[in-house]
C-alpha atoms as a PDB file:
ATOM      1  CA  UNK A   1      -2.983 -22.128  19.720  1.00  0.00           C
ATOM      2  CA  UNK A   2      -3.969 -21.878  16.054  1.00  0.00           C
ATOM      3  CA  UNK A   3      -7.094 -20.034  15.010  1.00  0.00           C
ATOM      4  CA  UNK A   4      -8.776 -23.268  13.822  1.00  0.00           C
ATOM      5  CA  UNK A   5      -7.918 -25.111  17.035  1.00  0.00           C
ATOM      6  CA  UNK A   6      -9.272 -22.236  19.097  1.00  0.00           C
ATOM      7  CA  UNK A   7     -12.488 -22.233  17.069  1.00  0.00           C
ATOM      8  CA  UNK A   8     -12.739 -26.026  17.461  1.00  0.00           C
ATOM      9  CA  UNK A   9     -12.399 -25.929  21.244  1.00  0.00           C
ATOM     10  CA  UNK A  10     -14.907 -23.078  21.453  1.00  0.00           C
ATOM     11  CA  UNK A  11     -17.441 -25.060  19.375  1.00  0.00           C
ATOM     12  CA  UNK A  12     -16.753 -28.170  21.433  1.00  0.00           C
ATOM     13  CA  UNK A  13     -17.615 -26.302  24.642  1.00  0.00           C
ATOM     14  CA  UNK A  14     -20.774 -24.964  23.002  1.00  0.00           C
ATOM     15  CA  UNK A  15     -21.835 -28.500  22.021  1.00  0.00           C
ATOM     16  CA  UNK A  16     -21.209 -29.838  25.518  1.00  0.00           C
ATOM     17  CA  UNK A  17     -23.493 -27.220  27.036  1.00  0.00           C
ATOM     18  CA  UNK A  18     -26.112 -27.850  24.325  1.00  0.00           C
ATOM     19  CA  UNK A  19     -26.162 -31.571  25.163  1.00  0.00           C
ATOM     20  CA  UNK A  20     -26.478 -30.870  28.869  1.00  0.00           C
ATOM     21  CA  UNK A  21     -29.435 -28.533  28.261  1.00  0.00           C
ATOM     22  CA  UNK A  22     -31.116 -31.090  26.026  1.00  0.00           C
ATOM     23  CA  UNK A  23     -30.575 -33.835  28.612  1.00  0.00           C
ATOM     24  CA  UNK A  24     -32.673 -31.827  31.080  1.00  0.00           C
ATOM     25  CA  UNK A  25     -35.384 -31.069  28.522  1.00  0.00           C
ATOM     26  CA  UNK A  26     -35.925 -34.566  27.090  1.00  0.00           C
ATOM     27  CA  UNK A  27     -37.789 -36.012  30.129  1.00  0.00           C
ATOM     28  CA  UNK A  28     -40.277 -33.137  29.940  1.00  0.00           C
ATOM     29  CA  UNK A  29     -40.790 -33.756  26.229  1.00  0.00           C
ATOM     30  CA  UNK A  30     -41.289 -37.482  26.826  1.00  0.00           C
ATOM     31  CA  UNK A  31     -43.867 -36.770  29.526  1.00  0.00           C
ATOM     32  CA  UNK A  32     -45.754 -34.375  27.234  1.00  0.00           C
ATOM     33  CA  UNK A  33     -45.848 -36.808  24.292  1.00  0.00           C
ATOM     34  CA  UNK A  34     -49.231 -38.465  23.727  1.00  0.00           C
ATOM     35  CA  UNK A  35     -48.008 -41.042  21.216  1.00  0.00           C
ATOM     36  CA  UNK A  36     -46.233 -44.088  22.667  1.00  0.00           C
ATOM     37  CA  UNK A  37     -43.677 -44.290  19.863  1.00  0.00           C
ATOM     38  CA  UNK A  38     -42.770 -40.638  20.268  1.00  0.00           C
ATOM     39  CA  UNK A  39     -42.429 -41.010  24.037  1.00  0.00           C
ATOM     40  CA  UNK A  40     -40.144 -44.016  23.554  1.00  0.00           C
ATOM     41  CA  UNK A  41     -38.040 -42.093  21.009  1.00  0.00           C
ATOM     42  CA  UNK A  42     -37.480 -39.246  23.482  1.00  0.00           C
ATOM     43  CA  UNK A  43     -36.579 -41.690  26.258  1.00  0.00           C
ATOM     44  CA  UNK A  44     -34.120 -43.505  23.999  1.00  0.00           C
ATOM     45  CA  UNK A  45     -32.515 -40.256  22.903  1.00  0.00           C
ATOM     46  CA  UNK A  46     -32.097 -39.268  26.540  1.00  0.00           C
ATOM     47  CA  UNK A  47     -29.866 -42.330  27.011  1.00  0.00           C
ATOM     48  CA  UNK A  48     -28.000 -41.548  23.788  1.00  0.00           C
ATOM     49  CA  UNK A  49     -27.420 -37.973  24.952  1.00  0.00           C
ATOM     50  CA  UNK A  50     -25.711 -39.248  28.107  1.00  0.00           C
ATOM     51  CA  UNK A  51     -23.348 -41.284  25.931  1.00  0.00           C
ATOM     52  CA  UNK A  52     -22.756 -38.315  23.646  1.00  0.00           C
ATOM     53  CA  UNK A  53     -21.722 -36.169  26.606  1.00  0.00           C
ATOM     54  CA  UNK A  54     -19.283 -38.911  27.576  1.00  0.00           C
ATOM     55  CA  UNK A  55     -17.849 -38.964  24.034  1.00  0.00           C
ATOM     56  CA  UNK A  56     -17.336 -35.214  24.123  1.00  0.00           C
ATOM     57  CA  UNK A  57     -15.231 -35.776  27.221  1.00  0.00           C
ATOM     58  CA  UNK A  58     -13.020 -38.116  25.168  1.00  0.00           C
ATOM     59  CA  UNK A  59     -12.576 -35.416  22.525  1.00  0.00           C
ATOM     60  CA  UNK A  60     -11.594 -32.870  25.175  1.00  0.00           C
ATOM     61  CA  UNK A  61      -8.974 -35.322  26.422  1.00  0.00           C
ATOM     62  CA  UNK A  62      -7.631 -35.862  22.883  1.00  0.00           C
ATOM     63  CA  UNK A  63      -7.067 -32.104  22.611  1.00  0.00           C
ATOM     64  CA  UNK A  64      -5.766 -31.927  26.184  1.00  0.00           C
ATOM     65  CA  UNK A  65      -8.509 -29.492  27.166  1.00  0.00           C
ATOM     66  CA  UNK A  66     -10.718 -29.420  30.246  1.00  0.00           C
ATOM     67  CA  UNK A  67     -14.287 -30.663  29.612  1.00  0.00           C
ATOM     68  CA  UNK A  68     -15.976 -27.362  30.271  1.00  0.00           C
ATOM     69  CA  UNK A  69     -19.172 -26.077  28.681  1.00  0.00           C
ATOM     70  CA  UNK A  70     -19.855 -22.647  27.243  1.00  0.00           C
ATOM     71  CA  UNK A  71     -23.436 -21.396  27.422  1.00  0.00           C
ATOM     72  CA  UNK A  72     -25.194 -22.295  24.161  1.00  0.00           C
ATOM     73  CA  UNK A  73     -27.770 -19.619  23.361  1.00  0.00           C
ATOM     74  CA  UNK A  74     -28.916 -21.474  20.269  1.00  0.00           C
ATOM     75  CA  UNK A  75     -30.034 -24.597  22.156  1.00  0.00           C
ATOM     76  CA  UNK A  76     -31.487 -22.441  24.915  1.00  0.00           C
ATOM     77  CA  UNK A  77     -33.820 -20.776  22.411  1.00  0.00           C
ATOM     78  CA  UNK A  78     -34.868 -24.098  20.875  1.00  0.00           C
ATOM     79  CA  UNK A  79     -35.678 -25.592  24.275  1.00  0.00           C
ATOM     80  CA  UNK A  80     -37.659 -22.510  25.304  1.00  0.00           C
ATOM     81  CA  UNK A  81     -39.729 -22.891  22.141  1.00  0.00           C
ATOM     82  CA  UNK A  82     -40.378 -26.570  22.950  1.00  0.00           C
ATOM     83  CA  UNK A  83     -41.404 -25.745  26.517  1.00  0.00           C
ATOM     84  CA  UNK A  84     -43.819 -23.105  25.251  1.00  0.00           C
ATOM     85  CA  UNK A  85     -45.426 -25.668  22.936  1.00  0.00           C
ATOM     86  CA  UNK A  86     -45.781 -28.079  25.847  1.00  0.00           C
ATOM     87  CA  UNK A  87     -47.368 -25.378  28.009  1.00  0.00           C
ATOM     88  CA  UNK A  88     -49.864 -24.469  25.291  1.00  0.00           C
ATOM     89  CA  UNK A  89     -50.600 -28.168  24.598  1.00  0.00           C
ATOM     90  CA  UNK A  90     -49.957 -27.835  20.878  1.00  0.00           C
ATOM     91  CA  UNK A  91     -49.778 -31.605  20.427  1.00  0.00           C
ATOM     92  CA  UNK A  92     -47.285 -34.192  19.218  1.00  0.00           C
ATOM     93  CA  UNK A  93     -46.847 -32.803  15.704  1.00  0.00           C
ATOM     94  CA  UNK A  94     -45.594 -29.473  17.052  1.00  0.00           C
ATOM     95  CA  UNK A  95     -43.465 -31.278  19.632  1.00  0.00           C
ATOM     96  CA  UNK A  96     -41.755 -33.322  16.918  1.00  0.00           C
ATOM     97  CA  UNK A  97     -41.037 -30.164  14.923  1.00  0.00           C
ATOM     98  CA  UNK A  98     -39.357 -28.579  17.945  1.00  0.00           C
ATOM     99  CA  UNK A  99     -37.306 -31.727  18.614  1.00  0.00           C
ATOM    100  CA  UNK A 100     -36.150 -31.923  15.009  1.00  0.00           C
ATOM    101  CA  UNK A 101     -34.991 -28.316  15.117  1.00  0.00           C
ATOM    102  CA  UNK A 102     -32.731 -29.279  18.021  1.00  0.00           C
ATOM    103  CA  UNK A 103     -31.503 -32.347  16.119  1.00  0.00           C
ATOM    104  CA  UNK A 104     -30.674 -30.290  13.034  1.00  0.00           C
ATOM    105  CA  UNK A 105     -28.761 -27.848  15.210  1.00  0.00           C
ATOM    106  CA  UNK A 106     -26.674 -30.693  16.650  1.00  0.00           C
ATOM    107  CA  UNK A 107     -26.165 -32.348  13.261  1.00  0.00           C
ATOM    108  CA  UNK A 108     -24.700 -29.099  11.954  1.00  0.00           C
ATOM    109  CA  UNK A 109     -22.428 -28.709  14.992  1.00  0.00           C
ATOM    110  CA  UNK A 110     -21.094 -32.266  14.964  1.00  0.00           C
ATOM    111  CA  UNK A 111     -20.537 -32.206  11.205  1.00  0.00           C
ATOM    112  CA  UNK A 112     -18.419 -29.086  11.596  1.00  0.00           C
ATOM    113  CA  UNK A 113     -16.479 -30.491  14.561  1.00  0.00           C
ATOM    114  CA  UNK A 114     -15.700 -33.756  12.745  1.00  0.00           C
ATOM    115  CA  UNK A 115     -14.392 -31.900   9.697  1.00  0.00           C
ATOM    116  CA  UNK A 116     -12.246 -29.598  11.828  1.00  0.00           C
ATOM    117  CA  UNK A 117     -10.867 -32.549  13.813  1.00  0.00           C
ATOM    118  CA  UNK A 118      -9.638 -34.126  10.557  1.00  0.00           C
ATOM    119  CA  UNK A 119      -8.079 -30.831   9.497  1.00  0.00           C
ATOM    120  CA  UNK A 120      -6.296 -30.635  12.863  1.00  0.00           C
ATOM    121  CA  UNK A 121      -4.918 -34.157  12.446  1.00  0.00           C
ATOM    122  CA  UNK A 122      -7.122 -35.716  15.136  1.00  0.00           C
ATOM    123  CA  UNK A 123      -8.537 -38.738  13.264  1.00  0.00           C
ATOM    124  CA  UNK A 124      -9.573 -40.605  16.393  1.00  0.00           C
ATOM    125  CA  UNK A 125     -11.478 -37.582  17.703  1.00  0.00           C
ATOM    126  CA  UNK A 126     -13.131 -37.243  14.309  1.00  0.00           C
ATOM    127  CA  UNK A 127     -14.345 -40.871  14.509  1.00  0.00           C
ATOM    128  CA  UNK A 128     -15.865 -40.256  17.927  1.00  0.00           C
ATOM    129  CA  UNK A 129     -17.640 -37.133  16.665  1.00  0.00           C
ATOM    130  CA  UNK A 130     -18.894 -38.958  13.564  1.00  0.00           C
ATOM    131  CA  UNK A 131     -20.389 -41.670  15.781  1.00  0.00           C
ATOM    132  CA  UNK A 132     -22.447 -39.049  17.568  1.00  0.00           C
ATOM    133  CA  UNK A 133     -23.275 -37.376  14.255  1.00  0.00           C
ATOM    134  CA  UNK A 134     -24.711 -40.658  12.946  1.00  0.00           C
ATOM    135  CA  UNK A 135     -26.870 -41.066  16.063  1.00  0.00           C
ATOM    136  CA  UNK A 136     -28.287 -37.592  15.619  1.00  0.00           C
ATOM    137  CA  UNK A 137     -29.163 -38.331  12.005  1.00  0.00           C
ATOM    138  CA  UNK A 138     -30.867 -41.593  12.965  1.00  0.00           C
ATOM    139  CA  UNK A 139     -32.897 -39.805  15.628  1.00  0.00           C
ATOM    140  CA  UNK A 140     -34.007 -37.209  13.089  1.00  0.00           C
ATOM    141  CA  UNK A 141     -35.092 -39.945  10.653  1.00  0.00           C
ATOM    142  CA  UNK A 142     -37.003 -41.723  13.392  1.00  0.00           C
ATOM    143  CA  UNK A 143     -38.880 -38.547  14.311  1.00  0.00           C
ATOM    144  CA  UNK A 144     -39.770 -37.969  10.659  1.00  0.00           C
ATOM    145  CA  UNK A 145     -41.136 -41.509  10.369  1.00  0.00           C
ATOM    146  CA  UNK A 146     -43.265 -41.100  13.497  1.00  0.00           C
ATOM    147  CA  UNK A 147     -44.624 -37.796  12.219  1.00  0.00           C
ATOM    148  CA  UNK A 148     -45.577 -39.251   8.831  1.00  0.00           C
ATOM    149  CA  UNK A 149     -47.114 -42.539   9.959  1.00  0.00           C
ATOM    150  CA  UNK A 150     -48.699 -41.857  13.330  1.00  0.00           C
ATOM    151  CA  UNK A 151     -48.845 -38.302  14.581  1.00  0.00           C
ATOM    152  CA  UNK A 152     -50.154 -36.667  11.410  1.00  0.00           C
ATOM    153  CA  UNK A 153     -52.921 -39.280  11.294  1.00  0.00           C
ATOM    154  CA  UNK A 154     -53.880 -38.491  14.890  1.00  0.00           C
ATOM    155  CA  UNK A 155     -53.953 -34.759  14.224  1.00  0.00           C
ATOM    156  CA  UNK A 156     -56.152 -35.284  11.149  1.00  0.00           C
ATOM    157  CA  UNK A 157     -58.570 -37.374  13.200  1.00  0.00           C
ATOM    158  CA  UNK A 158     -58.697 -34.690  15.870  1.00  0.00           C
ATOM    159  CA  UNK A 159     -59.495 -32.004  13.284  1.00  0.00           C
ATOM    160  CA  UNK A 160     -62.235 -34.220  11.838  1.00  0.00           C
ATOM    161  CA  UNK A 161     -63.813 -34.683  15.264  1.00  0.00           C
ATOM    162  CA  UNK A 162     -63.709 -30.943  15.935  1.00  0.00           C
ATOM    163  CA  UNK A 163     -65.327 -30.261  12.563  1.00  0.00           C
ATOM    164  CA  UNK A 164     -68.107 -32.760  13.274  1.00  0.00           C
ATOM    165  CA  UNK A 165     -68.673 -31.218  16.690  1.00  0.00           C
ATOM    166  CA  UNK A 166     -69.027 -27.734  15.148  1.00  0.00           C
ATOM    167  CA  UNK A 167     -71.505 -29.084  12.590  1.00  0.00           C
ATOM    168  CA  UNK A 168     -73.681 -30.572  15.341  1.00  0.00           C
ATOM    169  CA  UNK A 169     -73.766 -27.256  17.181  1.00  0.00           C
ATOM    170  CA  UNK A 170     -75.057 -25.326  14.162  1.00  0.00           C
ATOM    171  CA  UNK A 171     -78.904 -24.782  14.098  1.00  0.00           C
ATOM    172  CA  UNK A 172     -80.634 -27.091  11.635  1.00  0.00           C
ATOM    173  CA  UNK A 173     -82.898 -25.665   8.934  1.00  0.00           C
ATOM    174  CA  UNK A 174     -86.594 -26.582   9.081  1.00  0.00           C
ATOM    175  CA  UNK A 175     -87.248 -29.390   6.635  1.00  0.00           C
ATOM    176  CA  UNK A 176     -90.172 -28.953   4.143  1.00  0.00           C
ATOM    177  CA  UNK A 177     -93.200 -31.163   4.644  1.00  0.00           C
ATOM    178  CA  UNK A 178     -92.904 -34.531   2.976  1.00  0.00           C
ATOM    179  CA  UNK A 179     -95.126 -35.612   0.104  1.00  0.00           C
ATOM    180  CA  UNK A 180     -96.934 -38.123   2.314  1.00  0.00           C
ATOM    181  CA  UNK A 181     -97.692 -35.417   4.885  1.00  0.00           C
ATOM    182  CA  UNK A 182     -99.036 -33.133   2.161  1.00  0.00           C
ATOM    183  CA  UNK A 183    -101.261 -35.930   0.877  1.00  0.00           C
ATOM    184  CA  UNK A 184    -102.526 -36.574   4.386  1.00  0.00           C
ATOM    185  CA  UNK A 185    -103.351 -32.901   4.868  1.00  0.00           C
ATOM    186  CA  UNK A 186    -105.171 -32.878   1.512  1.00  0.00           C
ATOM    187  CA  UNK A 187    -107.158 -35.949   2.466  1.00  0.00           C
ATOM    188  CA  UNK A 188    -108.297 -34.372   5.745  1.00  0.00           C
ATOM    189  CA  UNK A 189    -109.554 -31.287   3.942  1.00  0.00           C
ATOM    190  CA  UNK A 190    -111.503 -33.281   1.316  1.00  0.00           C
ATOM    191  CA  UNK A 191    -114.797 -33.827   3.309  1.00  0.00           C
ATOM    192  CA  UNK A 192    -115.039 -30.109   3.924  1.00  0.00           C
ATOM    193  CA  UNK A 193    -114.813 -29.433   0.177  1.00  0.00           C
ATOM    194  CA  UNK A 194    -117.577 -31.958  -0.525  1.00  0.00           C
ATOM    195  CA  UNK A 195    -119.858 -30.322   2.045  1.00  0.00           C
ATOM    196  CA  UNK A 196    -119.233 -26.947   0.424  1.00  0.00           C
ATOM    197  CA  UNK A 197    -120.053 -28.425  -3.019  1.00  0.00           C
ATOM    198  CA  UNK A 198    -123.262 -29.981  -1.617  1.00  0.00           C
ATOM    199  CA  UNK A 199    -124.404 -26.638  -0.211  1.00  0.00           C
ATOM    200  CA  UNK A 200    -123.774 -24.905  -3.527  1.00  0.00           C
ATOM    201  CA  UNK A 201    -125.766 -27.611  -5.364  1.00  0.00           C
ATOM    202  CA  UNK A 202    -128.834 -27.282  -3.043  1.00  0.00           C
ATOM    203  CA  UNK A 203    -128.732 -23.499  -3.432  1.00  0.00           C
ATOM    204  CA  UNK A 204    -128.754 -23.782  -7.218  1.00  0.00           C
ATOM    205  CA  UNK A 205    -131.738 -26.208  -7.129  1.00  0.00           C
ATOM    206  CA  UNK A 206    -133.683 -23.802  -4.928  1.00  0.00           C
ATOM    207  CA  UNK A 207    -133.138 -20.919  -7.328  1.00  0.00           C
ATOM    208  CA  UNK A 208    -134.244 -23.046 -10.289  1.00  0.00           C
ATOM    209  CA  UNK A 209    -137.419 -24.154  -8.517  1.00  0.00           C
ATOM    210  CA  UNK A 210    -138.661 -20.632  -7.742  1.00  0.00           C
ATOM    211  CA  UNK A 211    -140.030 -19.745 -11.265  1.00  0.00           C
ATOM    212  CA  UNK A 212    -142.248 -22.849 -11.341  1.00  0.00           C
ATOM    213  CA  UNK A 213    -143.811 -21.864  -8.036  1.00  0.00           C
ATOM    214  CA  UNK A 214    -144.708 -18.437  -9.439  1.00  0.00           C
ATOM    215  CA  UNK A 215    -146.396 -19.893 -12.570  1.00  0.00           C
ATOM    216  CA  UNK A 216    -148.419 -22.299 -10.494  1.00  0.00           C
ATOM    217  CA  UNK A 217    -149.614 -19.440  -8.328  1.00  0.00           C
ATOM    218  CA  UNK A 218    -150.687 -17.388 -11.383  1.00  0.00           C
ATOM    219  CA  UNK A 219    -152.796 -20.287 -12.687  1.00  0.00           C
ATOM    220  CA  UNK A 220    -154.785 -20.491  -9.465  1.00  0.00           C
ATOM    221  CA  UNK A 221    -155.714 -16.864  -9.808  1.00  0.00           C
END
Protein backbone atom coordinates (compact mmCIF):
# COMPACT_ATOMS: atom_id res chain seq x y z
CA UNK A 1 0.00 0.00 0.00
CA UNK A 2 1.35 3.41 -1.00
CA UNK A 3 1.88 6.12 1.59
CA UNK A 4 -0.88 8.30 0.07
CA UNK A 5 -3.35 5.41 -0.05
CA UNK A 6 -2.58 4.54 3.56
CA UNK A 7 -3.11 8.16 4.59
CA UNK A 8 -6.37 8.25 2.60
CA UNK A 9 -7.79 5.15 4.27
CA UNK A 10 -6.75 6.44 7.69
CA UNK A 11 -8.52 9.77 7.05
CA UNK A 12 -11.55 7.95 5.70
CA UNK A 13 -11.86 5.95 8.93
CA UNK A 14 -11.48 9.16 10.93
CA UNK A 15 -14.30 10.80 8.95
CA UNK A 16 -16.60 7.81 9.42
CA UNK A 17 -16.20 7.98 13.18
CA UNK A 18 -16.67 11.77 13.13
CA UNK A 19 -19.99 11.39 11.27
CA UNK A 20 -21.18 8.73 13.68
CA UNK A 21 -20.38 10.96 16.67
CA UNK A 22 -22.16 13.90 15.07
CA UNK A 23 -25.20 11.74 14.29
CA UNK A 24 -25.62 11.10 18.02
CA UNK A 25 -25.11 14.76 18.95
CA UNK A 26 -27.47 16.40 16.45
CA UNK A 27 -30.75 15.38 18.18
CA UNK A 28 -29.50 16.96 21.41
CA UNK A 29 -28.60 20.15 19.57
CA UNK A 30 -32.01 20.24 17.87
CA UNK A 31 -33.76 19.81 21.22
CA UNK A 32 -31.71 22.63 22.77
CA UNK A 33 -32.38 25.07 19.91
CA UNK A 34 -34.93 27.79 20.73
CA UNK A 35 -35.33 29.06 17.17
CA UNK A 36 -37.57 26.99 14.89
CA UNK A 37 -35.38 27.48 11.82
CA UNK A 38 -32.29 26.37 13.69
CA UNK A 39 -34.07 23.31 15.07
CA UNK A 40 -35.22 22.38 11.56
CA UNK A 41 -31.68 22.84 10.21
CA UNK A 42 -30.27 20.43 12.80
CA UNK A 43 -33.00 17.88 12.07
CA UNK A 44 -32.36 18.12 8.33
CA UNK A 45 -28.62 17.72 8.80
CA UNK A 46 -29.24 14.63 10.90
CA UNK A 47 -30.87 13.01 7.85
CA UNK A 48 -28.04 14.21 5.61
CA UNK A 49 -25.48 12.74 8.01
CA UNK A 50 -27.10 9.31 7.68
CA UNK A 51 -26.71 9.56 3.91
CA UNK A 52 -23.13 10.74 4.26
CA UNK A 53 -22.27 7.69 6.36
CA UNK A 54 -23.78 5.54 3.62
CA UNK A 55 -21.65 7.31 0.99
CA UNK A 56 -18.51 6.69 3.02
CA UNK A 57 -19.37 3.01 2.85
CA UNK A 58 -19.35 3.28 -0.95
CA UNK A 59 -15.88 4.85 -0.84
CA UNK A 60 -14.60 2.04 1.39
CA UNK A 61 -15.92 -0.45 -1.16
CA UNK A 62 -14.21 1.41 -4.03
CA UNK A 63 -10.89 1.03 -2.20
CA UNK A 64 -11.73 -2.54 -1.18
CA UNK A 65 -11.45 -1.66 2.50
CA UNK A 66 -13.71 -2.59 5.41
CA UNK A 67 -15.98 0.28 6.56
CA UNK A 68 -14.41 0.67 9.97
CA UNK A 69 -14.12 3.87 11.98
CA UNK A 70 -11.10 5.20 13.83
CA UNK A 71 -11.77 7.30 16.92
CA UNK A 72 -11.83 10.97 15.89
CA UNK A 73 -10.52 13.09 18.76
CA UNK A 74 -11.14 16.29 16.85
CA UNK A 75 -14.90 15.76 16.53
CA UNK A 76 -15.04 14.47 20.09
CA UNK A 77 -13.68 17.79 21.37
CA UNK A 78 -16.08 19.83 19.24
CA UNK A 79 -19.09 17.85 20.46
CA UNK A 80 -17.98 18.17 24.09
CA UNK A 81 -17.82 21.93 23.62
CA UNK A 82 -21.35 21.95 22.15
CA UNK A 83 -22.70 19.85 25.02
CA UNK A 84 -21.14 22.22 27.54
CA UNK A 85 -22.86 25.17 25.85
CA UNK A 86 -26.17 23.33 25.99
CA UNK A 87 -25.68 22.55 29.68
CA UNK A 88 -24.89 26.17 30.49
CA UNK A 89 -27.82 27.40 28.34
CA UNK A 90 -25.66 29.79 26.35
CA UNK A 91 -28.35 30.25 23.70
CA UNK A 92 -28.76 29.71 19.97
CA UNK A 93 -25.94 32.02 18.86
CA UNK A 94 -23.36 29.98 20.78
CA UNK A 95 -24.97 26.75 19.58
CA UNK A 96 -24.64 27.84 15.95
CA UNK A 97 -20.98 28.70 16.49
CA UNK A 98 -20.30 25.22 17.87
CA UNK A 99 -22.17 23.58 14.97
CA UNK A 100 -20.25 25.59 12.40
CA UNK A 101 -16.95 24.54 13.95
CA UNK A 102 -17.97 20.93 13.34
CA UNK A 103 -19.02 21.76 9.77
CA UNK A 104 -15.69 23.46 9.03
CA UNK A 105 -13.88 20.42 10.39
CA UNK A 106 -15.82 18.14 8.03
CA UNK A 107 -15.43 20.49 5.06
CA UNK A 108 -11.66 20.35 5.52
CA UNK A 109 -11.67 16.55 5.81
CA UNK A 110 -13.87 15.92 2.77
CA UNK A 111 -11.94 18.41 0.65
CA UNK A 112 -8.73 16.56 1.44
CA UNK A 113 -10.27 13.14 0.79
CA UNK A 114 -11.70 14.21 -2.58
CA UNK A 115 -8.35 15.58 -3.72
CA UNK A 116 -6.52 12.43 -2.62
CA UNK A 117 -9.09 10.20 -4.34
CA UNK A 118 -8.38 11.98 -7.65
CA UNK A 119 -4.64 11.59 -7.10
CA UNK A 120 -5.16 7.86 -6.47
CA UNK A 121 -7.15 7.50 -9.70
CA UNK A 122 -10.51 6.97 -7.99
CA UNK A 123 -12.69 9.48 -9.87
CA UNK A 124 -15.98 7.88 -8.86
CA UNK A 125 -15.01 7.94 -5.18
CA UNK A 126 -13.99 11.57 -5.58
CA UNK A 127 -17.47 12.41 -6.96
CA UNK A 128 -19.14 10.76 -3.98
CA UNK A 129 -16.91 12.68 -1.56
CA UNK A 130 -17.55 15.96 -3.40
CA UNK A 131 -21.31 15.40 -3.07
CA UNK A 132 -20.93 15.21 0.69
CA UNK A 133 -18.54 18.17 0.64
CA UNK A 134 -21.18 20.29 -1.11
CA UNK A 135 -23.81 19.33 1.49
CA UNK A 136 -21.51 20.38 4.29
CA UNK A 137 -20.90 23.74 2.65
CA UNK A 138 -24.63 24.30 2.16
CA UNK A 139 -25.28 23.48 5.81
CA UNK A 140 -22.62 25.98 6.88
CA UNK A 141 -24.19 28.69 4.70
CA UNK A 142 -27.62 27.95 6.12
CA UNK A 143 -26.35 28.27 9.69
CA UNK A 144 -24.70 31.59 8.84
CA UNK A 145 -27.96 32.91 7.37
CA UNK A 146 -29.93 31.88 10.46
CA UNK A 147 -27.38 33.53 12.72
CA UNK A 148 -27.47 36.81 10.79
CA UNK A 149 -31.22 37.14 10.27
CA UNK A 150 -32.84 35.56 13.30
CA UNK A 151 -30.66 34.49 16.18
CA UNK A 152 -28.57 37.65 16.48
CA UNK A 153 -31.79 39.68 16.54
CA UNK A 154 -33.16 37.52 19.36
CA UNK A 155 -29.97 37.85 21.38
CA UNK A 156 -30.01 41.64 20.95
CA UNK A 157 -33.61 41.77 22.16
CA UNK A 158 -32.71 39.66 25.18
CA UNK A 159 -29.83 41.98 26.08
CA UNK A 160 -32.15 44.98 25.73
CA UNK A 161 -34.70 43.42 28.08
CA UNK A 162 -32.00 42.62 30.64
CA UNK A 163 -30.71 46.19 30.45
CA UNK A 164 -34.21 47.60 30.98
CA UNK A 165 -34.73 45.27 33.93
CA UNK A 166 -31.48 46.47 35.55
CA UNK A 167 -32.52 50.09 35.04
CA UNK A 168 -35.84 49.49 36.80
CA UNK A 169 -34.07 47.95 39.78
CA UNK A 170 -31.81 50.97 40.32
CA UNK A 171 -33.05 53.47 43.03
CA UNK A 172 -34.55 56.60 41.50
CA UNK A 173 -33.26 60.03 42.49
CA UNK A 174 -35.67 62.36 44.30
CA UNK A 175 -37.10 64.81 41.80
CA UNK A 176 -36.96 68.57 42.70
CA UNK A 177 -40.25 70.28 43.47
CA UNK A 178 -42.04 71.55 40.41
CA UNK A 179 -42.62 75.24 39.74
CA UNK A 180 -46.35 74.87 40.39
CA UNK A 181 -45.67 73.24 43.77
CA UNK A 182 -43.28 76.05 44.70
CA UNK A 183 -45.90 78.63 43.75
CA UNK A 184 -48.49 76.82 45.83
CA UNK A 185 -46.18 76.76 48.84
CA UNK A 186 -45.50 80.49 48.37
CA UNK A 187 -49.20 81.23 48.18
CA UNK A 188 -49.89 79.38 51.44
CA UNK A 189 -47.24 81.38 53.26
CA UNK A 190 -48.52 84.75 51.98
CA UNK A 191 -51.26 85.40 54.66
CA UNK A 192 -48.72 84.87 57.40
CA UNK A 193 -46.46 87.53 55.87
CA UNK A 194 -49.35 90.00 55.70
CA UNK A 195 -50.19 89.42 59.37
CA UNK A 196 -46.56 90.05 60.27
CA UNK A 197 -46.58 93.29 58.22
CA UNK A 198 -49.83 94.39 59.94
CA UNK A 199 -48.31 93.86 63.38
CA UNK A 200 -45.23 95.87 62.46
CA UNK A 201 -47.44 98.72 61.15
CA UNK A 202 -49.54 98.91 64.39
CA UNK A 203 -46.35 98.92 66.47
CA UNK A 204 -44.94 101.83 64.48
CA UNK A 205 -48.20 103.83 64.89
CA UNK A 206 -48.12 103.27 68.65
CA UNK A 207 -44.57 104.57 68.93
CA UNK A 208 -45.44 107.67 66.88
CA UNK A 209 -48.48 108.44 69.03
CA UNK A 210 -46.59 108.44 72.35
CA UNK A 211 -44.97 111.95 72.05
CA UNK A 212 -48.35 113.63 71.49
CA UNK A 213 -49.70 112.06 74.66
CA UNK A 214 -46.79 113.51 76.66
CA UNK A 215 -47.32 117.07 75.31
CA UNK A 216 -51.00 116.94 76.09
CA UNK A 217 -50.22 115.89 79.64
CA UNK A 218 -47.75 118.79 80.10
CA UNK A 219 -50.39 121.31 79.00
CA UNK A 220 -52.83 120.16 81.67
CA UNK A 221 -50.24 120.80 84.31
